[in-house]
Amino acid sequence: MYKRDELKQLKTDFWNGFADYCNTIPRLAQRKQKFMLYNTRLKGTELKFDVQRHEVAVVLEINHTDYERRIELFEHFKACRLLFEEAFEAMEVVYEPFYRLETGKDVCRIYIRLSEEMDFHRREDWQKFYTFMARNMMRLERIFNQAKQALE
């Protein structure tokens, strides 16, 4: 088991390694900001990476403070199901209208995850995390932008 400082360093090394990995991808290397993440320009929506010990997910999180608006946005993105299915092919897209964060806050989430024989604590597995994260976040951004245009 890792001590608190060791785990903090492991996480720092992981994210620095991911930044280095992204710089090897021509499409990302030329961008100042690699991914839009919190800068979606649609209030109450964020794109996130959710890295757990044995799985990783790319997430469209709808966390608007107004419950009605949150559900409205979720239903809009859920209606774009075909975009998600085409982009993520054989992967399962999970639609969760009621997801509770560790902080206790309720949000809506649409995500794609990878959970296979891998462990965040093993540095040799990080390549699997990085490949999944970069490839699928680019897809999620593209879907998000297409679906967002339909809202405007």
N, C-alpha and C. Protein backbone atom coordinates (compact mmCIF):
# COMPACT_ATOMS: atom_id res chain seq x y z
N MET A 1 0.83 -1.18 0.00
CA MET A 1 0.00 0.00 0.00
C MET A 1 0.88 1.24 0.00
N TYR A 2 0.40 2.24 -0.67
CA TYR A 2 1.15 3.49 -0.76
C TYR A 2 0.86 4.39 0.43
N LYS A 3 1.87 5.13 0.82
CA LYS A 3 1.67 6.18 1.81
C LYS A 3 1.07 7.38 1.09
N ARG A 4 0.51 8.30 1.83
CA ARG A 4 -0.17 9.46 1.25
C ARG A 4 0.73 10.23 0.27
N ASP A 5 1.96 10.51 0.68
CA ASP A 5 2.89 11.25 -0.18
C ASP A 5 3.25 10.46 -1.43
N GLU A 6 3.41 9.17 -1.29
CA GLU A 6 3.76 8.33 -2.43
C GLU A 6 2.61 8.29 -3.44
N LEU A 7 1.38 8.19 -2.96
CA LEU A 7 0.22 8.18 -3.84
C LEU A 7 0.08 9.52 -4.56
N LYS A 8 0.33 10.60 -3.85
CA LYS A 8 0.28 11.94 -4.45
C LYS A 8 1.32 12.04 -5.57
N GLN A 9 2.52 11.54 -5.32
CA GLN A 9 3.57 11.57 -6.34
C GLN A 9 3.20 10.68 -7.53
N LEU A 10 2.60 9.52 -7.26
CA LEU A 10 2.17 8.62 -8.32
C LEU A 10 1.16 9.32 -9.22
N LYS A 11 0.20 10.01 -8.62
CA LYS A 11 -0.81 10.73 -9.40
C LYS A 11 -0.17 11.85 -10.22
N THR A 12 0.76 12.58 -9.63
CA THR A 12 1.46 13.64 -10.35
C THR A 12 2.22 13.06 -11.53
N ASP A 13 2.93 11.96 -11.31
CA ASP A 13 3.67 11.31 -12.39
C ASP A 13 2.73 10.83 -13.50
N PHE A 14 1.58 10.30 -13.10
CA PHE A 14 0.60 9.80 -14.07
C PHE A 14 0.13 10.94 -14.98
N TRP A 15 -0.28 12.05 -14.38
CA TRP A 15 -0.81 13.16 -15.18
C TRP A 15 0.27 13.84 -16.00
N ASN A 16 1.49 13.92 -15.48
CA ASN A 16 2.60 14.45 -16.28
C ASN A 16 2.90 13.52 -17.45
N GLY A 17 2.83 12.23 -17.20
CA GLY A 17 3.04 11.26 -18.27
C GLY A 17 1.95 11.35 -19.33
N PHE A 18 0.73 11.61 -18.89
CA PHE A 18 -0.37 11.76 -19.85
C PHE A 18 -0.15 13.00 -20.71
N ALA A 19 0.30 14.08 -20.11
CA ALA A 19 0.60 15.30 -20.88
C ALA A 19 1.68 15.02 -21.92
N ASP A 20 2.71 14.28 -21.53
CA ASP A 20 3.77 13.91 -22.47
C ASP A 20 3.22 13.03 -23.58
N TYR A 21 2.36 12.08 -23.22
CA TYR A 21 1.74 11.19 -24.22
C TYR A 21 0.94 12.02 -25.23
N CYS A 22 0.15 12.97 -24.74
CA CYS A 22 -0.67 13.81 -25.62
C CYS A 22 0.19 14.60 -26.59
N ASN A 23 1.38 14.98 -26.17
CA ASN A 23 2.28 15.72 -27.06
C ASN A 23 2.84 14.86 -28.18
N THR A 24 2.69 13.55 -28.09
CA THR A 24 3.14 12.67 -29.17
C THR A 24 2.05 12.47 -30.22
N ILE A 25 0.85 12.95 -29.94
CA ILE A 25 -0.27 12.82 -30.89
C ILE A 25 -0.33 14.12 -31.69
N PRO A 26 -0.07 14.06 -32.99
CA PRO A 26 0.01 15.29 -33.78
C PRO A 26 -1.20 16.23 -33.61
N ARG A 27 -2.38 15.68 -33.60
CA ARG A 27 -3.59 16.51 -33.48
C ARG A 27 -3.64 17.25 -32.14
N LEU A 28 -3.11 16.64 -31.11
CA LEU A 28 -3.12 17.27 -29.79
C LEU A 28 -1.88 18.13 -29.53
N ALA A 29 -0.75 17.74 -30.10
CA ALA A 29 0.51 18.45 -29.85
C ALA A 29 0.43 19.91 -30.28
N GLN A 30 -0.34 20.18 -31.33
CA GLN A 30 -0.42 21.55 -31.83
C GLN A 30 -1.41 22.42 -31.05
N ARG A 31 -2.19 21.83 -30.18
CA ARG A 31 -3.18 22.58 -29.41
C ARG A 31 -2.58 23.08 -28.09
N LYS A 32 -2.85 24.34 -27.77
CA LYS A 32 -2.37 24.89 -26.51
C LYS A 32 -3.06 24.18 -25.34
N GLN A 33 -4.38 24.09 -25.41
CA GLN A 33 -5.14 23.35 -24.41
C GLN A 33 -5.51 22.02 -25.05
N LYS A 34 -5.04 20.93 -24.49
CA LYS A 34 -5.20 19.62 -25.11
C LYS A 34 -6.67 19.22 -25.26
N PHE A 35 -7.46 19.43 -24.23
CA PHE A 35 -8.87 19.06 -24.25
C PHE A 35 -9.70 20.21 -23.67
N MET A 36 -10.96 20.30 -24.06
CA MET A 36 -11.80 21.40 -23.57
C MET A 36 -12.20 21.22 -22.11
N LEU A 37 -12.42 20.04 -21.64
CA LEU A 37 -12.76 19.70 -20.27
C LEU A 37 -13.76 20.66 -19.63
N TYR A 38 -13.30 21.62 -18.84
CA TYR A 38 -14.22 22.51 -18.13
C TYR A 38 -14.63 23.72 -18.98
N ASN A 39 -14.01 23.90 -20.10
CA ASN A 39 -14.26 25.06 -20.95
C ASN A 39 -15.18 24.69 -22.11
N THR A 40 -16.36 24.15 -21.79
CA THR A 40 -17.29 23.69 -22.83
C THR A 40 -18.13 24.81 -23.43
N ARG A 41 -18.18 25.94 -22.75
CA ARG A 41 -19.00 27.08 -23.16
C ARG A 41 -20.49 26.74 -23.17
N LEU A 42 -20.86 25.77 -22.37
CA LEU A 42 -22.26 25.43 -22.14
C LEU A 42 -22.41 25.27 -20.64
N LYS A 43 -23.09 26.22 -20.02
CA LYS A 43 -23.19 26.26 -18.57
C LYS A 43 -23.74 24.94 -18.02
N GLY A 44 -23.04 24.45 -17.00
CA GLY A 44 -23.49 23.24 -16.33
C GLY A 44 -23.03 21.95 -16.98
N THR A 45 -22.07 22.04 -17.91
CA THR A 45 -21.55 20.82 -18.54
C THR A 45 -20.03 20.83 -18.51
N GLU A 46 -19.47 19.66 -18.30
CA GLU A 46 -18.02 19.49 -18.28
C GLU A 46 -17.66 18.14 -18.88
N LEU A 47 -16.50 18.08 -19.47
CA LEU A 47 -15.95 16.81 -19.92
C LEU A 47 -14.84 16.46 -18.95
N LYS A 48 -14.81 15.21 -18.53
CA LYS A 48 -13.86 14.81 -17.49
C LYS A 48 -13.24 13.46 -17.78
N PHE A 49 -12.09 13.26 -17.15
CA PHE A 49 -11.48 11.94 -17.06
C PHE A 49 -11.76 11.45 -15.65
N ASP A 50 -12.16 10.20 -15.52
CA ASP A 50 -12.37 9.61 -14.20
C ASP A 50 -11.46 8.39 -14.11
N VAL A 51 -10.35 8.56 -13.42
CA VAL A 51 -9.35 7.50 -13.32
C VAL A 51 -9.47 6.86 -11.94
N GLN A 52 -9.78 5.59 -11.93
CA GLN A 52 -9.86 4.81 -10.69
C GLN A 52 -8.73 3.78 -10.74
N ARG A 53 -8.59 3.04 -9.70
CA ARG A 53 -7.48 2.10 -9.64
C ARG A 53 -7.52 1.06 -10.77
N HIS A 54 -8.71 0.50 -11.05
CA HIS A 54 -8.80 -0.57 -12.04
C HIS A 54 -9.66 -0.21 -13.24
N GLU A 55 -10.00 1.06 -13.40
CA GLU A 55 -10.76 1.46 -14.58
C GLU A 55 -10.58 2.94 -14.86
N VAL A 56 -10.92 3.31 -16.06
CA VAL A 56 -10.83 4.70 -16.49
C VAL A 56 -12.06 5.00 -17.34
N ALA A 57 -12.54 6.24 -17.26
CA ALA A 57 -13.70 6.65 -18.04
C ALA A 57 -13.50 8.05 -18.59
N VAL A 58 -14.09 8.29 -19.75
CA VAL A 58 -14.24 9.66 -20.25
C VAL A 58 -15.70 10.00 -20.05
N VAL A 59 -15.95 11.19 -19.51
CA VAL A 59 -17.26 11.52 -18.98
C VAL A 59 -17.77 12.85 -19.49
N LEU A 60 -19.03 12.86 -19.90
CA LEU A 60 -19.77 14.10 -20.10
C LEU A 60 -20.62 14.25 -18.85
N GLU A 61 -20.28 15.24 -18.04
CA GLU A 61 -21.00 15.44 -16.78
C GLU A 61 -21.86 16.69 -16.88
N ILE A 62 -23.10 16.54 -16.53
CA ILE A 62 -24.05 17.66 -16.52
C ILE A 62 -24.34 17.96 -15.06
N ASN A 63 -23.82 19.09 -14.60
CA ASN A 63 -23.91 19.42 -13.18
C ASN A 63 -24.58 20.77 -12.94
N HIS A 64 -25.45 21.13 -13.85
CA HIS A 64 -26.15 22.41 -13.72
C HIS A 64 -26.86 22.47 -12.37
N THR A 65 -26.83 23.62 -11.73
CA THR A 65 -27.44 23.75 -10.39
C THR A 65 -28.96 23.67 -10.44
N ASP A 66 -29.55 24.06 -11.56
CA ASP A 66 -31.00 23.98 -11.74
C ASP A 66 -31.36 22.57 -12.18
N TYR A 67 -32.08 21.86 -11.34
CA TYR A 67 -32.43 20.46 -11.61
C TYR A 67 -33.14 20.31 -12.96
N GLU A 68 -34.11 21.16 -13.23
CA GLU A 68 -34.87 21.07 -14.49
C GLU A 68 -33.95 21.22 -15.70
N ARG A 69 -33.07 22.18 -15.64
CA ARG A 69 -32.14 22.42 -16.74
C ARG A 69 -31.17 21.25 -16.87
N ARG A 70 -30.73 20.71 -15.76
CA ARG A 70 -29.82 19.56 -15.78
C ARG A 70 -30.46 18.39 -16.51
N ILE A 71 -31.72 18.08 -16.17
CA ILE A 71 -32.43 16.97 -16.81
C ILE A 71 -32.68 17.28 -18.29
N GLU A 72 -33.01 18.52 -18.60
CA GLU A 72 -33.23 18.93 -19.99
C GLU A 72 -31.97 18.72 -20.82
N LEU A 73 -30.82 19.13 -20.29
CA LEU A 73 -29.56 18.92 -21.00
C LEU A 73 -29.25 17.43 -21.15
N PHE A 74 -29.47 16.68 -20.08
CA PHE A 74 -29.23 15.24 -20.15
C PHE A 74 -30.08 14.60 -21.24
N GLU A 75 -31.36 14.93 -21.29
CA GLU A 75 -32.25 14.36 -22.29
C GLU A 75 -31.83 14.76 -23.70
N HIS A 76 -31.35 15.97 -23.85
CA HIS A 76 -30.87 16.41 -25.16
C HIS A 76 -29.68 15.55 -25.61
N PHE A 77 -28.71 15.38 -24.73
CA PHE A 77 -27.53 14.58 -25.09
C PHE A 77 -27.89 13.11 -25.27
N LYS A 78 -28.81 12.63 -24.47
CA LYS A 78 -29.25 11.24 -24.60
C LYS A 78 -29.95 11.04 -25.95
N ALA A 79 -30.67 12.05 -26.41
CA ALA A 79 -31.33 11.97 -27.71
C ALA A 79 -30.33 11.88 -28.86
N CYS A 80 -29.10 12.24 -28.60
CA CYS A 80 -28.02 12.14 -29.60
C CYS A 80 -27.34 10.78 -29.53
N ARG A 81 -28.05 9.81 -29.06
CA ARG A 81 -27.55 8.45 -28.85
C ARG A 81 -26.81 7.91 -30.07
N LEU A 82 -27.34 8.16 -31.26
CA LEU A 82 -26.70 7.64 -32.48
C LEU A 82 -25.28 8.18 -32.65
N LEU A 83 -25.07 9.44 -32.32
CA LEU A 83 -23.73 10.00 -32.40
C LEU A 83 -22.76 9.25 -31.49
N PHE A 84 -23.22 8.98 -30.27
CA PHE A 84 -22.39 8.26 -29.31
C PHE A 84 -22.11 6.84 -29.80
N GLU A 85 -23.14 6.17 -30.28
CA GLU A 85 -22.98 4.78 -30.70
C GLU A 85 -22.06 4.66 -31.91
N GLU A 86 -22.17 5.59 -32.84
CA GLU A 86 -21.30 5.56 -34.02
C GLU A 86 -19.84 5.84 -33.63
N ALA A 87 -19.64 6.80 -32.76
CA ALA A 87 -18.28 7.17 -32.38
C ALA A 87 -17.59 6.11 -31.54
N PHE A 88 -18.35 5.46 -30.68
CA PHE A 88 -17.75 4.51 -29.75
C PHE A 88 -17.99 3.06 -30.13
N GLU A 89 -18.55 2.83 -31.30
CA GLU A 89 -18.72 1.52 -31.91
C GLU A 89 -19.13 0.42 -30.93
N ALA A 90 -18.23 -0.48 -30.63
CA ALA A 90 -18.57 -1.66 -29.83
C ALA A 90 -18.53 -1.40 -28.32
N MET A 91 -18.19 -0.19 -27.92
CA MET A 91 -18.10 0.10 -26.49
C MET A 91 -19.48 0.48 -25.95
N GLU A 92 -19.68 0.19 -24.68
CA GLU A 92 -20.95 0.53 -24.05
C GLU A 92 -20.92 2.00 -23.59
N VAL A 93 -21.94 2.73 -24.00
CA VAL A 93 -22.12 4.11 -23.55
C VAL A 93 -23.12 4.04 -22.41
N VAL A 94 -22.74 4.56 -21.25
CA VAL A 94 -23.59 4.50 -20.05
C VAL A 94 -24.26 5.85 -19.84
N TYR A 95 -25.57 5.82 -19.68
CA TYR A 95 -26.37 7.04 -19.45
C TYR A 95 -26.90 6.96 -18.02
N GLU A 96 -26.44 7.86 -17.17
CA GLU A 96 -26.89 7.87 -15.78
C GLU A 96 -27.50 9.23 -15.44
N PRO A 97 -28.84 9.30 -15.38
CA PRO A 97 -29.48 10.57 -15.07
C PRO A 97 -29.32 10.99 -13.61
N PHE A 98 -29.05 10.03 -12.75
CA PHE A 98 -28.89 10.32 -11.32
C PHE A 98 -27.61 9.67 -10.82
N TYR A 99 -26.54 10.44 -10.81
CA TYR A 99 -25.24 9.95 -10.37
C TYR A 99 -24.80 10.82 -9.19
N ARG A 100 -24.41 10.18 -8.12
CA ARG A 100 -23.97 10.92 -6.94
C ARG A 100 -22.45 10.89 -6.86
N LEU A 101 -21.86 12.09 -6.84
CA LEU A 101 -20.41 12.22 -6.70
C LEU A 101 -20.00 11.92 -5.27
N GLU A 102 -18.71 11.70 -5.06
CA GLU A 102 -18.19 11.45 -3.72
C GLU A 102 -18.50 12.60 -2.77
N THR A 103 -18.65 13.80 -3.32
CA THR A 103 -18.95 14.98 -2.51
C THR A 103 -20.41 15.02 -2.07
N GLY A 104 -21.23 14.12 -2.63
CA GLY A 104 -22.65 14.10 -2.30
C GLY A 104 -23.51 14.86 -3.29
N LYS A 105 -22.87 15.53 -4.24
CA LYS A 105 -23.60 16.30 -5.25
C LYS A 105 -24.19 15.37 -6.30
N ASP A 106 -25.43 15.65 -6.70
CA ASP A 106 -26.09 14.87 -7.75
C ASP A 106 -25.84 15.50 -9.10
N VAL A 107 -25.48 14.68 -10.08
CA VAL A 107 -25.22 15.13 -11.44
C VAL A 107 -25.79 14.08 -12.40
N CYS A 108 -25.78 14.42 -13.67
CA CYS A 108 -26.10 13.45 -14.72
C CYS A 108 -24.78 13.14 -15.43
N ARG A 109 -24.65 11.90 -15.86
CA ARG A 109 -23.41 11.51 -16.53
C ARG A 109 -23.68 10.62 -17.73
N ILE A 110 -22.90 10.85 -18.75
CA ILE A 110 -22.84 9.96 -19.90
C ILE A 110 -21.35 9.64 -20.04
N TYR A 111 -21.04 8.35 -20.05
CA TYR A 111 -19.62 8.01 -20.07
C TYR A 111 -19.34 6.69 -20.76
N ILE A 112 -18.08 6.54 -21.09
CA ILE A 112 -17.54 5.32 -21.68
C ILE A 112 -16.38 4.92 -20.79
N ARG A 113 -16.33 3.66 -20.42
CA ARG A 113 -15.25 3.26 -19.52
C ARG A 113 -14.54 2.01 -20.02
N LEU A 114 -13.35 1.87 -19.53
CA LEU A 114 -12.52 0.71 -19.81
C LEU A 114 -12.15 0.11 -18.46
N SER A 115 -12.55 -1.11 -18.26
CA SER A 115 -12.15 -1.80 -17.03
C SER A 115 -11.73 -3.21 -17.44
N GLU A 116 -10.47 -3.38 -17.48
CA GLU A 116 -9.90 -4.68 -17.83
C GLU A 116 -8.74 -4.92 -16.91
N GLU A 117 -7.95 -5.90 -17.21
CA GLU A 117 -6.79 -6.22 -16.39
C GLU A 117 -5.79 -5.08 -16.44
N MET A 118 -5.97 -4.10 -15.58
CA MET A 118 -5.03 -3.00 -15.50
C MET A 118 -5.12 -2.40 -14.11
N ASP A 119 -4.06 -1.75 -13.72
CA ASP A 119 -4.00 -1.20 -12.37
C ASP A 119 -3.26 0.14 -12.42
N PHE A 120 -3.89 1.16 -11.94
CA PHE A 120 -3.30 2.50 -11.90
C PHE A 120 -1.97 2.49 -11.14
N HIS A 121 -1.83 1.62 -10.17
CA HIS A 121 -0.61 1.57 -9.37
C HIS A 121 0.56 0.93 -10.10
N ARG A 122 0.31 0.30 -11.23
CA ARG A 122 1.39 -0.29 -12.03
C ARG A 122 1.71 0.64 -13.19
N ARG A 123 2.86 1.23 -13.16
CA ARG A 123 3.25 2.19 -14.20
C ARG A 123 3.23 1.56 -15.59
N GLU A 124 3.51 0.29 -15.69
CA GLU A 124 3.53 -0.35 -17.01
C GLU A 124 2.12 -0.43 -17.62
N ASP A 125 1.08 -0.22 -16.83
CA ASP A 125 -0.29 -0.21 -17.34
C ASP A 125 -0.74 1.18 -17.80
N TRP A 126 0.02 2.19 -17.50
CA TRP A 126 -0.40 3.56 -17.81
C TRP A 126 -0.64 3.78 -19.29
N GLN A 127 0.09 3.09 -20.13
CA GLN A 127 -0.09 3.25 -21.57
C GLN A 127 -1.53 2.90 -21.97
N LYS A 128 -2.11 1.87 -21.36
CA LYS A 128 -3.51 1.51 -21.64
C LYS A 128 -4.43 2.65 -21.24
N PHE A 129 -4.19 3.23 -20.08
CA PHE A 129 -4.99 4.36 -19.60
C PHE A 129 -4.88 5.52 -20.60
N TYR A 130 -3.64 5.88 -20.94
CA TYR A 130 -3.39 7.03 -21.79
C TYR A 130 -4.05 6.88 -23.16
N THR A 131 -3.87 5.71 -23.76
CA THR A 131 -4.43 5.47 -25.09
C THR A 131 -5.95 5.60 -25.06
N PHE A 132 -6.57 4.97 -24.09
CA PHE A 132 -8.02 5.04 -23.96
C PHE A 132 -8.47 6.49 -23.73
N MET A 133 -7.82 7.18 -22.82
CA MET A 133 -8.23 8.53 -22.46
C MET A 133 -8.13 9.49 -23.64
N ALA A 134 -7.01 9.52 -24.32
CA ALA A 134 -6.81 10.47 -25.41
C ALA A 134 -7.74 10.17 -26.58
N ARG A 135 -7.77 8.94 -27.01
CA ARG A 135 -8.59 8.56 -28.16
C ARG A 135 -10.07 8.87 -27.92
N ASN A 136 -10.54 8.49 -26.76
CA ASN A 136 -11.98 8.63 -26.51
C ASN A 136 -12.40 10.04 -26.09
N MET A 137 -11.50 10.80 -25.49
CA MET A 137 -11.86 12.18 -25.18
C MET A 137 -11.97 13.00 -26.47
N MET A 138 -11.12 12.72 -27.46
CA MET A 138 -11.24 13.41 -28.74
C MET A 138 -12.60 13.10 -29.37
N ARG A 139 -13.01 11.85 -29.29
CA ARG A 139 -14.33 11.47 -29.82
C ARG A 139 -15.45 12.15 -29.04
N LEU A 140 -15.34 12.16 -27.72
CA LEU A 140 -16.37 12.77 -26.89
C LEU A 140 -16.48 14.27 -27.17
N GLU A 141 -15.36 14.94 -27.36
CA GLU A 141 -15.39 16.37 -27.70
C GLU A 141 -16.13 16.60 -29.01
N ARG A 142 -15.85 15.76 -30.00
CA ARG A 142 -16.50 15.91 -31.30
C ARG A 142 -18.01 15.73 -31.18
N ILE A 143 -18.44 14.72 -30.44
CA ILE A 143 -19.87 14.48 -30.23
C ILE A 143 -20.48 15.65 -29.47
N PHE A 144 -19.80 16.08 -28.43
CA PHE A 144 -20.31 17.18 -27.62
C PHE A 144 -20.53 18.43 -28.48
N ASN A 145 -19.57 18.75 -29.32
CA ASN A 145 -19.69 19.94 -30.17
C ASN A 145 -20.84 19.81 -31.16
N GLN A 146 -21.02 18.63 -31.73
CA GLN A 146 -22.14 18.42 -32.65
C GLN A 146 -23.48 18.55 -31.93
N ALA A 147 -23.59 17.94 -30.78
CA ALA A 147 -24.84 17.99 -30.02
C ALA A 147 -25.11 19.40 -29.49
N LYS A 148 -24.06 20.11 -29.12
CA LYS A 148 -24.19 21.47 -28.61
C LYS A 148 -24.72 22.40 -29.70
N GLN A 149 -24.27 22.21 -30.92
CA GLN A 149 -24.75 23.03 -32.05
C GLN A 149 -26.26 22.88 -32.21
N ALA A 150 -26.77 21.69 -31.99
CA ALA A 150 -28.22 21.47 -32.11
C ALA A 150 -28.98 22.22 -31.03
N LEU A 151 -28.34 22.48 -29.89
CA LEU A 151 -28.97 23.24 -28.82
C LEU A 151 -29.08 24.72 -29.15
N GLU A 152 -28.11 25.21 -29.92
CA GLU A 152 -28.02 26.66 -30.19
C GLU A 152 -28.91 27.12 -31.29
